[in-house]
Amino acid sequence: MGLIDFYTLMAVLVLVLVVYELYDLKKKTEIKKEEIQLERERIALETKKREEEK
């Protein structure tokens, strides 16, 4: 009975780690999207500023 409990515990731990990694990956992806959007906005503002200077 103890061996079954051990493998059940290991399965739960692996599942928790996988779910955590997926959540972490999702968060990192969202942050990267926001960084890309901010960079695009910065470039657009710089371009607009240069066009106004001409």
PDB file of N, CA and C in Angstrom:
ATOM      1  N   MET A   1       0.824  -1.200   0.000  1.00  0.00           N
ATOM      2  CA  MET A   1       0.000   0.000   0.000  1.00  0.00           C
ATOM      3  C   MET A   1       0.869   1.265   0.000  1.00  0.00           C
ATOM      4  N   GLY A   2       2.017   1.204   0.675  1.00  0.00           N
ATOM      5  CA  GLY A   2       2.888   2.366   0.745  1.00  0.00           C
ATOM      6  C   GLY A   2       3.467   2.742  -0.602  1.00  0.00           C
ATOM      7  N   LEU A   3       3.733   1.746  -1.454  1.00  0.00           N
ATOM      8  CA  LEU A   3       4.294   2.003  -2.773  1.00  0.00           C
ATOM      9  C   LEU A   3       3.294   2.746  -3.659  1.00  0.00           C
ATOM     10  N   ILE A   4       2.032   2.368  -3.570  1.00  0.00           N
ATOM     11  CA  ILE A   4       0.987   3.037  -4.353  1.00  0.00           C
ATOM     12  C   ILE A   4       0.859   4.490  -3.907  1.00  0.00           C
ATOM     13  N   ASP A   5       0.905   4.723  -2.610  1.00  0.00           N
ATOM     14  CA  ASP A   5       0.834   6.090  -2.102  1.00  0.00           C
ATOM     15  C   ASP A   5       2.016   6.925  -2.594  1.00  0.00           C
ATOM     16  N   PHE A   6       3.197   6.328  -2.647  1.00  0.00           N
ATOM     17  CA  PHE A   6       4.386   7.030  -3.118  1.00  0.00           C
ATOM     18  C   PHE A   6       4.217   7.464  -4.568  1.00  0.00           C
ATOM     19  N   TYR A   7       3.771   6.548  -5.416  1.00  0.00           N
ATOM     20  CA  TYR A   7       3.596   6.885  -6.830  1.00  0.00           C
ATOM     21  C   TYR A   7       2.467   7.885  -7.034  1.00  0.00           C
ATOM     22  N   THR A   8       1.430   7.804  -6.230  1.00  0.00           N
ATOM     23  CA  THR A   8       0.345   8.785  -6.309  1.00  0.00           C
ATOM     24  C   THR A   8       0.876  10.168  -5.939  1.00  0.00           C
ATOM     25  N   LEU A   9       1.662  10.235  -4.883  1.00  0.00           N
ATOM     26  CA  LEU A   9       2.256  11.501  -4.466  1.00  0.00           C
ATOM     27  C   LEU A   9       3.173  12.058  -5.552  1.00  0.00           C
ATOM     28  N   MET A  10       3.980  11.209  -6.155  1.00  0.00           N
ATOM     29  CA  MET A  10       4.874  11.652  -7.226  1.00  0.00           C
ATOM     30  C   MET A  10       4.067  12.167  -8.426  1.00  0.00           C
ATOM     31  N   ALA A  11       2.988  11.475  -8.765  1.00  0.00           N
ATOM     32  CA  ALA A  11       2.145  11.904  -9.885  1.00  0.00           C
ATOM     33  C   ALA A  11       1.532  13.270  -9.601  1.00  0.00           C
ATOM     34  N   VAL A  12       1.067  13.486  -8.389  1.00  0.00           N
ATOM     35  CA  VAL A  12       0.479  14.778  -8.020  1.00  0.00           C
ATOM     36  C   VAL A  12       1.543  15.873  -8.070  1.00  0.00           C
ATOM     37  N   LEU A  13       2.724  15.592  -7.566  1.00  0.00           N
ATOM     38  CA  LEU A  13       3.799  16.591  -7.599  1.00  0.00           C
ATOM     39  C   LEU A  13       4.182  16.965  -9.028  1.00  0.00           C
ATOM     40  N   VAL A  14       4.291  15.968  -9.890  1.00  0.00           N
ATOM     41  CA  VAL A  14       4.617  16.240 -11.297  1.00  0.00           C
ATOM     42  C   VAL A  14       3.516  17.072 -11.940  1.00  0.00           C
ATOM     43  N   LEU A  15       2.276  16.736 -11.660  1.00  0.00           N
ATOM     44  CA  LEU A  15       1.146  17.484 -12.212  1.00  0.00           C
ATOM     45  C   LEU A  15       1.174  18.938 -11.738  1.00  0.00           C
ATOM     46  N   VAL A  16       1.435  19.142 -10.460  1.00  0.00           N
ATOM     47  CA  VAL A  16       1.508  20.503  -9.923  1.00  0.00           C
ATOM     48  C   VAL A  16       2.644  21.277 -10.591  1.00  0.00           C
ATOM     49  N   LEU A  17       3.783  20.645 -10.768  1.00  0.00           N
ATOM     50  CA  LEU A  17       4.909  21.320 -11.427  1.00  0.00           C
ATOM     51  C   LEU A  17       4.583  21.692 -12.871  1.00  0.00           C
ATOM     52  N   VAL A  18       3.926  20.806 -13.585  1.00  0.00           N
ATOM     53  CA  VAL A  18       3.554  21.084 -14.978  1.00  0.00           C
ATOM     54  C   VAL A  18       2.575  22.250 -15.039  1.00  0.00           C
ATOM     55  N   VAL A  19       1.573  22.242 -14.167  1.00  0.00           N
ATOM     56  CA  VAL A  19       0.586  23.329 -14.151  1.00  0.00           C
ATOM     57  C   VAL A  19       1.267  24.650 -13.800  1.00  0.00           C
ATOM     58  N   TYR A  20       2.170  24.622 -12.828  1.00  0.00           N
ATOM     59  CA  TYR A  20       2.892  25.840 -12.451  1.00  0.00           C
ATOM     60  C   TYR A  20       3.734  26.362 -13.611  1.00  0.00           C
ATOM     61  N   GLU A  21       4.420  25.479 -14.302  1.00  0.00           N
ATOM     62  CA  GLU A  21       5.251  25.897 -15.436  1.00  0.00           C
ATOM     63  C   GLU A  21       4.399  26.496 -16.554  1.00  0.00           C
ATOM     64  N   LEU A  22       3.238  25.912 -16.808  1.00  0.00           N
ATOM     65  CA  LEU A  22       2.342  26.468 -17.826  1.00  0.00           C
ATOM     66  C   LEU A  22       1.874  27.864 -17.428  1.00  0.00           C
ATOM     67  N   TYR A  23       1.521  28.036 -16.160  1.00  0.00           N
ATOM     68  CA  TYR A  23       1.098  29.345 -15.660  1.00  0.00           C
ATOM     69  C   TYR A  23       2.240  30.356 -15.795  1.00  0.00           C
ATOM     70  N   ASP A  24       3.439  29.950 -15.412  1.00  0.00           N
ATOM     71  CA  ASP A  24       4.606  30.822 -15.489  1.00  0.00           C
ATOM     72  C   ASP A  24       4.904  31.207 -16.937  1.00  0.00           C
ATOM     73  N   LEU A  25       4.812  30.243 -17.832  1.00  0.00           N
ATOM     74  CA  LEU A  25       5.037  30.508 -19.252  1.00  0.00           C
ATOM     75  C   LEU A  25       4.006  31.497 -19.790  1.00  0.00           C
ATOM     76  N   LYS A  26       2.751  31.330 -19.372  1.00  0.00           N
ATOM     77  CA  LYS A  26       1.686  32.245 -19.807  1.00  0.00           C
ATOM     78  C   LYS A  26       1.982  33.658 -19.327  1.00  0.00           C
ATOM     79  N   LYS A  27       2.395  33.797 -18.076  1.00  0.00           N
ATOM     80  CA  LYS A  27       2.712  35.121 -17.534  1.00  0.00           C
ATOM     81  C   LYS A  27       3.881  35.753 -18.284  1.00  0.00           C
ATOM     82  N   LYS A  28       4.925  34.976 -18.542  1.00  0.00           N
ATOM     83  CA  LYS A  28       6.087  35.501 -19.260  1.00  0.00           C
ATOM     84  C   LYS A  28       5.701  35.932 -20.669  1.00  0.00           C
ATOM     85  N   THR A  29       4.815  35.173 -21.301  1.00  0.00           N
ATOM     86  CA  THR A  29       4.353  35.522 -22.643  1.00  0.00           C
ATOM     87  C   THR A  29       3.578  36.829 -22.622  1.00  0.00           C
ATOM     88  N   GLU A  30       2.716  37.005 -21.616  1.00  0.00           N
ATOM     89  CA  GLU A  30       1.952  38.246 -21.502  1.00  0.00           C
ATOM     90  C   GLU A  30       2.880  39.440 -21.287  1.00  0.00           C
ATOM     91  N   ILE A  31       3.885  39.266 -20.450  1.00  0.00           N
ATOM     92  CA  ILE A  31       4.841  40.347 -20.192  1.00  0.00           C
ATOM     93  C   ILE A  31       5.601  40.689 -21.469  1.00  0.00           C
ATOM     94  N   LYS A  32       6.007  39.664 -22.219  1.00  0.00           N
ATOM     95  CA  LYS A  32       6.733  39.898 -23.470  1.00  0.00           C
ATOM     96  C   LYS A  32       5.856  40.652 -24.467  1.00  0.00           C
ATOM     97  N   LYS A  33       4.571  40.287 -24.551  1.00  0.00           N
ATOM     98  CA  LYS A  33       3.647  40.994 -25.443  1.00  0.00           C
ATOM     99  C   LYS A  33       3.551  42.467 -25.063  1.00  0.00           C
ATOM    100  N   GLU A  34       3.459  42.742 -23.758  1.00  0.00           N
ATOM    101  CA  GLU A  34       3.380  44.125 -23.299  1.00  0.00           C
ATOM    102  C   GLU A  34       4.658  44.884 -23.639  1.00  0.00           C
ATOM    103  N   GLU A  35       5.809  44.240 -23.473  1.00  0.00           N
ATOM    104  CA  GLU A  35       7.082  44.889 -23.810  1.00  0.00           C
ATOM    105  C   GLU A  35       7.148  45.214 -25.299  1.00  0.00           C
ATOM    106  N   ILE A  36       6.693  44.292 -26.135  1.00  0.00           N
ATOM    107  CA  ILE A  36       6.692  44.519 -27.584  1.00  0.00           C
ATOM    108  C   ILE A  36       5.764  45.674 -27.934  1.00  0.00           C
ATOM    109  N   GLN A  37       4.586  45.714 -27.308  1.00  0.00           N
ATOM    110  CA  GLN A  37       3.630  46.788 -27.570  1.00  0.00           C
ATOM    111  C   GLN A  37       4.219  48.144 -27.164  1.00  0.00           C
ATOM    112  N   LEU A  38       4.861  48.200 -26.008  1.00  0.00           N
ATOM    113  CA  LEU A  38       5.482  49.452 -25.564  1.00  0.00           C
ATOM    114  C   LEU A  38       6.592  49.885 -26.520  1.00  0.00           C
ATOM    115  N   GLU A  39       7.366  48.933 -26.996  1.00  0.00           N
ATOM    116  CA  GLU A  39       8.435  49.253 -27.949  1.00  0.00           C
ATOM    117  C   GLU A  39       7.848  49.802 -29.249  1.00  0.00           C
ATOM    118  N   ARG A  40       6.759  49.213 -29.717  1.00  0.00           N
ATOM    119  CA  ARG A  40       6.109  49.712 -30.941  1.00  0.00           C
ATOM    120  C   ARG A  40       5.597  51.133 -30.734  1.00  0.00           C
ATOM    121  N   GLU A  41       4.992  51.383 -29.573  1.00  0.00           N
ATOM    122  CA  GLU A  41       4.484  52.727 -29.291  1.00  0.00           C
ATOM    123  C   GLU A  41       5.629  53.736 -29.225  1.00  0.00           C
ATOM    124  N   ARG A  42       6.748  53.343 -28.616  1.00  0.00           N
ATOM    125  CA  ARG A  42       7.911  54.228 -28.520  1.00  0.00           C
ATOM    126  C   ARG A  42       8.441  54.565 -29.909  1.00  0.00           C
ATOM    127  N   ILE A  43       8.534  53.563 -30.767  1.00  0.00           N
ATOM    128  CA  ILE A  43       9.019  53.784 -32.135  1.00  0.00           C
ATOM    129  C   ILE A  43       8.059  54.687 -32.901  1.00  0.00           C
ATOM    130  N   ALA A  44       6.761  54.461 -32.719  1.00  0.00           N
ATOM    131  CA  ALA A  44       5.771  55.296 -33.402  1.00  0.00           C
ATOM    132  C   ALA A  44       5.886  56.751 -32.948  1.00  0.00           C
ATOM    133  N   LEU A  45       6.076  56.958 -31.656  1.00  0.00           N
ATOM    134  CA  LEU A  45       6.225  58.327 -31.154  1.00  0.00           C
ATOM    135  C   LEU A  45       7.495  58.982 -31.688  1.00  0.00           C
ATOM    136  N   GLU A  46       8.588  58.236 -31.735  1.00  0.00           N
ATOM    137  CA  GLU A  46       9.834  58.786 -32.275  1.00  0.00           C
ATOM    138  C   GLU A  46       9.677  59.131 -33.748  1.00  0.00           C
ATOM    139  N   THR A  47       9.017  58.274 -34.493  1.00  0.00           N
ATOM    140  CA  THR A  47       8.789  58.523 -35.918  1.00  0.00           C
ATOM    141  C   THR A  47       7.934  59.766 -36.113  1.00  0.00           C
ATOM    142  N   LYS A  48       6.884  59.887 -35.321  1.00  0.00           N
ATOM    143  CA  LYS A  48       6.001  61.052 -35.413  1.00  0.00           C
ATOM    144  C   LYS A  48       6.769  62.324 -35.072  1.00  0.00           C
ATOM    145  N   LYS A  49       7.610  62.257 -34.047  1.00  0.00           N
ATOM    146  CA  LYS A  49       8.399  63.422 -33.638  1.00  0.00           C
ATOM    147  C   LYS A  49       9.355  63.841 -34.747  1.00  0.00           C
ATOM    148  N   ARG A  50      10.000  62.873 -35.395  1.00  0.00           N
ATOM    149  CA  ARG A  50      10.930  63.185 -36.488  1.00  0.00           C
ATOM    150  C   ARG A  50      10.201  63.798 -37.678  1.00  0.00           C
ATOM    151  N   GLU A  51       8.999  63.286 -37.965  1.00  0.00           N
ATOM    152  CA  GLU A  51       8.231  63.831 -39.086  1.00  0.00           C
ATOM    153  C   GLU A  51       7.796  65.262 -38.799  1.00  0.00           C
ATOM    154  N   GLU A  52       7.481  65.555 -37.539  1.00  0.00           N
ATOM    155  CA  GLU A  52       7.073  66.913 -37.177  1.00  0.00           C
ATOM    156  C   GLU A  52       8.248  67.883 -37.250  1.00  0.00           C
ATOM    157  N   GLU A  53       9.466  67.381 -37.022  1.00  0.00           N
ATOM    158  CA  GLU A  53      10.650  68.236 -37.067  1.00  0.00           C
ATOM    159  C   GLU A  53      11.013  68.633 -38.495  1.00  0.00           C
ATOM    160  N   LYS A  54      10.591  67.863 -39.469  1.00  0.00           N
ATOM    161  CA  LYS A  54      10.948  68.140 -40.872  1.00  0.00           C
ATOM    162  C   LYS A  54      10.199  69.321 -41.419  1.00  0.00           C
TER     163      LYS A  54
END
